[in-house]
C-alpha atoms as a PDB file:
ATOM      1  CA  MET A   1      76.274  68.452  78.052  1.00  0.00           C
ATOM      2  CA  GLN A   2      79.183  69.644  76.619  1.00  0.00           C
ATOM      3  CA  ILE A   3      79.237  72.721  77.949  1.00  0.00           C
ATOM      4  CA  THR A   4      78.322  71.832  81.151  1.00  0.00           C
ATOM      5  CA  ASN A   5      80.575  69.256  81.531  1.00  0.00           C
ATOM      6  CA  ALA A   6      83.616  71.821  80.935  1.00  0.00           C
ATOM      7  CA  SER A   7      82.371  74.135  83.226  1.00  0.00           C
ATOM      8  CA  THR A   8      82.053  71.804  85.730  1.00  0.00           C
ATOM      9  CA  ARG A   9      86.121  70.407  84.877  1.00  0.00           C
ATOM     10  CA  PHE A  10      86.927  74.201  85.356  1.00  0.00           C
ATOM     11  CA  ALA A  11      85.393  74.666  88.408  1.00  0.00           C
ATOM     12  CA  THR A  12      86.771  71.546  90.064  1.00  0.00           C
ATOM     13  CA  LEU A  13      90.244  72.655  88.322  1.00  0.00           C
ATOM     14  CA  GLY A  14      89.934  75.951  89.404  1.00  0.00           C
ATOM     15  CA  ILE A  15      89.005  74.587  93.394  1.00  0.00           C
ATOM     16  CA  LEU A  16      92.078  71.595  92.710  1.00  0.00           C
ATOM     17  CA  ASP A  17      94.577  74.627  91.891  1.00  0.00           C
ATOM     18  CA  PHE A  18      93.741  76.759  94.311  1.00  0.00           C
ATOM     19  CA  PHE A  19      93.963  74.101  97.350  1.00  0.00           C
ATOM     20  CA  GLU A  20      97.037  73.631  95.894  1.00  0.00           C
ATOM     21  CA  PHE A  21      98.408  77.324  95.933  1.00  0.00           C
ATOM     22  CA  THR A  22      97.298  77.427  99.012  1.00  0.00           C
ATOM     23  CA  VAL A  23      98.981  74.068 100.335  1.00  0.00           C
ATOM     24  CA  LEU A  24     102.233  75.086  98.178  1.00  0.00           C
ATOM     25  CA  SER A  25     102.565  78.424  99.787  1.00  0.00           C
ATOM     26  CA  GLY A  26     101.873  77.336 103.306  1.00  0.00           C
ATOM     27  CA  LYS A  27     104.622  74.621 103.451  1.00  0.00           C
ATOM     28  CA  PHE A  28     106.926  77.966 101.747  1.00  0.00           C
ATOM     29  CA  GLU A  29     105.765  80.025 104.306  1.00  0.00           C
ATOM     30  CA  LEU A  30     106.790  77.079 107.269  1.00  0.00           C
ATOM     31  CA  ASN A  31     110.051  77.036 105.073  1.00  0.00           C
ATOM     32  CA  LEU A  32     110.896  80.527 105.311  1.00  0.00           C
ATOM     33  CA  HIS A  33     110.028  80.249 109.202  1.00  0.00           C
ATOM     34  CA  GLY A  34     112.478  76.826 109.561  1.00  0.00           C
ATOM     35  CA  SER A  35     115.636  78.510 107.058  1.00  0.00           C
ATOM     36  CA  LYS A  36     115.068  81.807 109.850  1.00  0.00           C
ATOM     37  CA  ARG A  37     115.325  79.485 113.052  1.00  0.00           C
ATOM     38  CA  VAL A  38     118.245  77.552 111.410  1.00  0.00           C
ATOM     39  CA  MET A  39     120.312  80.790 110.253  1.00  0.00           C
ATOM     40  CA  GLN A  40     119.862  82.283 113.870  1.00  0.00           C
ATOM     41  CA  ALA A  41     121.395  79.353 115.028  1.00  0.00           C
ATOM     42  CA  LEU A  42     123.826  79.432 113.056  1.00  0.00           C
ATOM     43  CA  CYS A  43     124.466  82.955 113.614  1.00  0.00           C
ATOM     44  CA  ALA A  44     124.023  82.194 117.660  1.00  0.00           C
ATOM     45  CA  ARG A  45     126.719  79.312 117.280  1.00  0.00           C
ATOM     46  CA  VAL A  46     129.035  81.786 115.425  1.00  0.00           C
END
């Protein structure tokens, strides 16, 4: 029972970590893209 509980917890944590990583990396890519556009806009104004 204890071993099954631990493995289930580990699997759940792994899945959550994976989702969190995907969301964070997705946000990071969006931020990177957004900052590039901002820099282009600033350079265009200058």
